[in-house]
Amino acid sequence: MSKGLGKIQRALLEMLSDEPRSERELACDIYKIEPDANGRYVCSDAQYVAVRRALRRLKQLGYVDDMWTGVGVPRRGWFRYGEGACCKWPRT
């Protein structure tokens, strides 16, 4: 059994604030991915899945939550609970 949060989970908690961020943005930041020739940030599927898995576990533990943002094009954003959090609805 694990005795605490993993490396990716700890990095996510440091990066997240009350501003929602996408999973792809977080993956590129954690793995320090540089833009390609077209200026796009591309992370591998394995990196993306590792970040999604870590976010899902952090949500189960109550550290973070997600919300759907965007108009017309829905986008899932993740944020951290804490002082000044953007969304303060009652948690179940």
N, C-alpha and C. Protein backbone atom coordinates (compact mmCIF):
# COMPACT_ATOMS: atom_id res chain seq x y z
N MET A 1 0.83 -1.18 0.00
CA MET A 1 0.00 0.00 0.00
C MET A 1 0.87 1.25 0.00
N SER A 2 0.37 2.23 -0.67
CA SER A 2 1.07 3.50 -0.73
C SER A 2 0.96 4.24 0.60
N LYS A 3 2.00 4.97 0.94
CA LYS A 3 1.99 5.71 2.20
C LYS A 3 1.70 7.19 2.00
N GLY A 4 1.35 7.57 0.80
CA GLY A 4 1.06 8.99 0.57
C GLY A 4 0.81 9.25 -0.90
N LEU A 5 0.79 10.52 -1.23
CA LEU A 5 0.55 10.92 -2.61
C LEU A 5 1.78 10.65 -3.47
N GLY A 6 1.54 10.32 -4.73
CA GLY A 6 2.63 10.07 -5.66
C GLY A 6 3.22 11.37 -6.21
N LYS A 7 4.27 11.22 -7.01
CA LYS A 7 4.98 12.37 -7.56
C LYS A 7 4.07 13.23 -8.43
N ILE A 8 3.29 12.61 -9.28
CA ILE A 8 2.39 13.37 -10.16
C ILE A 8 1.30 14.03 -9.34
N GLN A 9 0.75 13.34 -8.36
CA GLN A 9 -0.29 13.93 -7.52
C GLN A 9 0.22 15.14 -6.76
N ARG A 10 1.43 15.05 -6.21
CA ARG A 10 2.00 16.21 -5.49
C ARG A 10 2.24 17.37 -6.44
N ALA A 11 2.72 17.08 -7.65
CA ALA A 11 2.94 18.15 -8.63
C ALA A 11 1.63 18.81 -9.02
N LEU A 12 0.57 18.02 -9.18
CA LEU A 12 -0.73 18.58 -9.53
C LEU A 12 -1.24 19.50 -8.43
N LEU A 13 -1.09 19.11 -7.18
CA LEU A 13 -1.56 19.95 -6.08
C LEU A 13 -0.80 21.27 -6.04
N GLU A 14 0.47 21.26 -6.40
CA GLU A 14 1.24 22.50 -6.45
C GLU A 14 0.79 23.40 -7.59
N MET A 15 0.39 22.81 -8.72
CA MET A 15 0.02 23.58 -9.90
C MET A 15 -1.40 24.12 -9.86
N LEU A 16 -2.31 23.35 -9.28
CA LEU A 16 -3.71 23.73 -9.34
C LEU A 16 -4.04 24.86 -8.37
N SER A 17 -4.94 25.71 -8.79
CA SER A 17 -5.44 26.79 -7.95
C SER A 17 -6.94 26.88 -8.17
N ASP A 18 -7.50 28.05 -7.96
CA ASP A 18 -8.94 28.19 -8.13
C ASP A 18 -9.33 28.43 -9.59
N GLU A 19 -8.37 28.56 -10.49
CA GLU A 19 -8.65 28.72 -11.91
C GLU A 19 -8.63 27.35 -12.58
N PRO A 20 -9.72 26.94 -13.22
CA PRO A 20 -9.76 25.62 -13.86
C PRO A 20 -8.71 25.48 -14.97
N ARG A 21 -8.08 24.33 -15.04
CA ARG A 21 -7.09 24.02 -16.09
C ARG A 21 -7.42 22.66 -16.68
N SER A 22 -7.14 22.50 -17.97
CA SER A 22 -7.46 21.24 -18.64
C SER A 22 -6.41 20.17 -18.30
N GLU A 23 -6.81 18.93 -18.52
CA GLU A 23 -5.91 17.81 -18.26
C GLU A 23 -4.68 17.87 -19.17
N ARG A 24 -4.89 18.24 -20.42
CA ARG A 24 -3.75 18.34 -21.37
C ARG A 24 -2.78 19.43 -20.94
N GLU A 25 -3.28 20.57 -20.51
CA GLU A 25 -2.40 21.65 -20.03
C GLU A 25 -1.57 21.17 -18.85
N LEU A 26 -2.24 20.50 -17.91
CA LEU A 26 -1.54 20.01 -16.74
C LEU A 26 -0.48 18.97 -17.11
N ALA A 27 -0.82 18.06 -18.02
CA ALA A 27 0.14 17.03 -18.44
C ALA A 27 1.37 17.68 -19.08
N CYS A 28 1.17 18.66 -19.94
CA CYS A 28 2.29 19.32 -20.60
C CYS A 28 3.16 20.07 -19.59
N ASP A 29 2.55 20.67 -18.58
CA ASP A 29 3.32 21.36 -17.55
C ASP A 29 4.11 20.40 -16.68
N ILE A 30 3.48 19.31 -16.27
CA ILE A 30 4.15 18.35 -15.40
C ILE A 30 5.35 17.72 -16.10
N TYR A 31 5.17 17.34 -17.35
CA TYR A 31 6.24 16.67 -18.09
C TYR A 31 7.14 17.63 -18.85
N LYS A 32 6.94 18.95 -18.63
CA LYS A 32 7.80 19.99 -19.23
C LYS A 32 7.93 19.82 -20.74
N ILE A 33 6.79 19.74 -21.40
CA ILE A 33 6.77 19.53 -22.84
C ILE A 33 6.88 20.86 -23.56
N GLU A 34 7.79 20.92 -24.50
CA GLU A 34 8.02 22.12 -25.30
C GLU A 34 7.12 22.08 -26.54
N PRO A 35 6.78 23.24 -27.09
CA PRO A 35 5.94 23.25 -28.30
C PRO A 35 6.68 22.65 -29.50
N ASP A 36 5.91 22.03 -30.40
CA ASP A 36 6.51 21.47 -31.61
C ASP A 36 6.71 22.59 -32.64
N ALA A 37 7.05 22.22 -33.87
CA ALA A 37 7.33 23.20 -34.93
C ALA A 37 6.12 24.08 -35.24
N ASN A 38 4.92 23.56 -35.00
CA ASN A 38 3.70 24.33 -35.27
C ASN A 38 3.23 25.12 -34.07
N GLY A 39 3.97 25.08 -32.97
CA GLY A 39 3.60 25.82 -31.78
C GLY A 39 2.60 25.10 -30.89
N ARG A 40 2.36 23.82 -31.17
CA ARG A 40 1.41 23.05 -30.37
C ARG A 40 2.16 22.25 -29.31
N TYR A 41 1.52 22.09 -28.17
CA TYR A 41 2.07 21.26 -27.11
C TYR A 41 1.42 19.88 -27.22
N VAL A 42 2.24 18.86 -27.43
CA VAL A 42 1.72 17.51 -27.62
C VAL A 42 2.37 16.57 -26.61
N CYS A 43 1.53 15.98 -25.76
CA CYS A 43 2.03 14.99 -24.81
C CYS A 43 1.58 13.61 -25.28
N SER A 44 2.28 12.60 -24.83
CA SER A 44 1.94 11.24 -25.24
C SER A 44 0.67 10.79 -24.52
N ASP A 45 0.06 9.74 -25.06
CA ASP A 45 -1.14 9.19 -24.43
C ASP A 45 -0.84 8.68 -23.02
N ALA A 46 0.34 8.09 -22.84
CA ALA A 46 0.71 7.56 -21.53
C ALA A 46 0.82 8.69 -20.49
N GLN A 47 1.40 9.81 -20.89
CA GLN A 47 1.52 10.95 -19.98
C GLN A 47 0.14 11.50 -19.63
N TYR A 48 -0.70 11.61 -20.64
CA TYR A 48 -2.06 12.13 -20.44
C TYR A 48 -2.85 11.22 -19.51
N VAL A 49 -2.76 9.93 -19.71
CA VAL A 49 -3.51 8.97 -18.87
C VAL A 49 -2.98 8.99 -17.44
N ALA A 50 -1.68 9.13 -17.25
CA ALA A 50 -1.12 9.18 -15.90
C ALA A 50 -1.67 10.40 -15.14
N VAL A 51 -1.79 11.52 -15.81
CA VAL A 51 -2.32 12.73 -15.18
C VAL A 51 -3.81 12.55 -14.88
N ARG A 52 -4.55 11.97 -15.82
CA ARG A 52 -5.99 11.73 -15.58
C ARG A 52 -6.19 10.81 -14.38
N ARG A 53 -5.37 9.77 -14.28
CA ARG A 53 -5.48 8.82 -13.18
C ARG A 53 -5.18 9.52 -11.84
N ALA A 54 -4.14 10.35 -11.84
CA ALA A 54 -3.78 11.07 -10.62
C ALA A 54 -4.89 12.06 -10.22
N LEU A 55 -5.48 12.76 -11.20
CA LEU A 55 -6.56 13.69 -10.91
C LEU A 55 -7.78 12.96 -10.36
N ARG A 56 -8.09 11.81 -10.93
CA ARG A 56 -9.24 11.04 -10.47
C ARG A 56 -9.05 10.63 -9.00
N ARG A 57 -7.85 10.20 -8.65
CA ARG A 57 -7.59 9.80 -7.26
C ARG A 57 -7.63 11.01 -6.32
N LEU A 58 -7.08 12.14 -6.76
CA LEU A 58 -7.14 13.34 -5.94
C LEU A 58 -8.59 13.79 -5.72
N LYS A 59 -9.43 13.58 -6.72
CA LYS A 59 -10.84 13.91 -6.57
C LYS A 59 -11.50 12.97 -5.55
N GLN A 60 -11.17 11.69 -5.60
CA GLN A 60 -11.72 10.74 -4.63
C GLN A 60 -11.32 11.11 -3.20
N LEU A 61 -10.11 11.63 -3.05
CA LEU A 61 -9.62 12.02 -1.73
C LEU A 61 -10.15 13.38 -1.29
N GLY A 62 -10.77 14.13 -2.20
CA GLY A 62 -11.34 15.42 -1.86
C GLY A 62 -10.41 16.61 -2.00
N TYR A 63 -9.25 16.43 -2.63
CA TYR A 63 -8.31 17.53 -2.80
C TYR A 63 -8.68 18.47 -3.96
N VAL A 64 -9.23 17.91 -5.01
CA VAL A 64 -9.55 18.70 -6.20
C VAL A 64 -10.97 18.37 -6.67
N ASP A 65 -11.45 19.18 -7.59
CA ASP A 65 -12.74 18.89 -8.22
C ASP A 65 -12.66 19.34 -9.66
N ASP A 66 -13.65 18.91 -10.44
CA ASP A 66 -13.66 19.29 -11.85
C ASP A 66 -14.97 19.98 -12.17
N MET A 67 -14.97 20.69 -13.27
CA MET A 67 -16.17 21.36 -13.74
C MET A 67 -16.07 21.49 -15.25
N TRP A 68 -17.21 21.60 -15.90
CA TRP A 68 -17.22 21.78 -17.34
C TRP A 68 -17.29 23.26 -17.64
N THR A 69 -16.37 23.74 -18.47
CA THR A 69 -16.32 25.16 -18.81
C THR A 69 -16.42 25.30 -20.32
N GLY A 70 -16.53 26.51 -20.77
CA GLY A 70 -16.56 26.77 -22.20
C GLY A 70 -17.98 26.98 -22.71
N VAL A 71 -18.07 27.71 -23.78
CA VAL A 71 -19.36 27.98 -24.41
C VAL A 71 -19.31 27.36 -25.80
N GLY A 72 -20.24 26.49 -26.10
CA GLY A 72 -20.27 25.85 -27.41
C GLY A 72 -19.36 24.63 -27.48
N VAL A 73 -18.14 24.77 -26.98
CA VAL A 73 -17.18 23.66 -26.98
C VAL A 73 -16.88 23.33 -25.51
N PRO A 74 -17.53 22.32 -24.95
CA PRO A 74 -17.31 22.02 -23.54
C PRO A 74 -15.88 21.58 -23.27
N ARG A 75 -15.38 21.97 -22.15
CA ARG A 75 -14.01 21.64 -21.75
C ARG A 75 -14.02 21.33 -20.27
N ARG A 76 -13.36 20.29 -19.89
CA ARG A 76 -13.30 19.90 -18.48
C ARG A 76 -12.13 20.62 -17.84
N GLY A 77 -12.40 21.35 -16.77
CA GLY A 77 -11.35 22.06 -16.05
C GLY A 77 -11.24 21.53 -14.63
N TRP A 78 -10.03 21.49 -14.12
CA TRP A 78 -9.77 21.00 -12.77
C TRP A 78 -9.29 22.16 -11.91
N PHE A 79 -9.69 22.18 -10.65
CA PHE A 79 -9.24 23.20 -9.74
C PHE A 79 -9.09 22.59 -8.35
N ARG A 80 -8.40 23.34 -7.48
CA ARG A 80 -8.13 22.87 -6.14
C ARG A 80 -9.01 23.62 -5.15
N TYR A 81 -9.50 22.90 -4.16
CA TYR A 81 -10.25 23.55 -3.09
C TYR A 81 -9.30 24.35 -2.22
N GLY A 82 -9.81 25.40 -1.64
CA GLY A 82 -8.99 26.18 -0.72
C GLY A 82 -9.52 27.59 -0.60
N GLU A 83 -8.72 28.44 -0.01
CA GLU A 83 -9.09 29.84 0.16
C GLU A 83 -9.30 30.47 -1.20
N GLY A 84 -10.41 31.16 -1.37
CA GLY A 84 -10.67 31.86 -2.62
C GLY A 84 -11.01 30.95 -3.77
N ALA A 85 -11.44 29.73 -3.51
CA ALA A 85 -11.79 28.82 -4.59
C ALA A 85 -12.94 29.41 -5.40
N CYS A 86 -12.92 29.19 -6.71
CA CYS A 86 -13.91 29.82 -7.58
C CYS A 86 -15.30 29.22 -7.41
N CYS A 87 -15.39 27.98 -6.99
CA CYS A 87 -16.70 27.33 -6.86
C CYS A 87 -16.85 26.81 -5.45
N LYS A 88 -17.87 27.29 -4.76
CA LYS A 88 -18.04 26.92 -3.36
C LYS A 88 -19.42 26.31 -3.12
N TRP A 89 -19.76 25.32 -3.92
CA TRP A 89 -21.03 24.65 -3.68
C TRP A 89 -20.82 23.57 -2.63
N PRO A 90 -21.90 23.15 -1.97
CA PRO A 90 -21.75 22.11 -0.95
C PRO A 90 -21.30 20.80 -1.58
N ARG A 91 -20.35 20.18 -0.98
CA ARG A 91 -19.85 18.88 -1.46
C ARG A 91 -20.66 17.78 -0.84
N THR A 92 -20.89 16.70 -1.58
CA THR A 92 -21.65 15.57 -1.04
C THR A 92 -20.73 14.45 -0.68
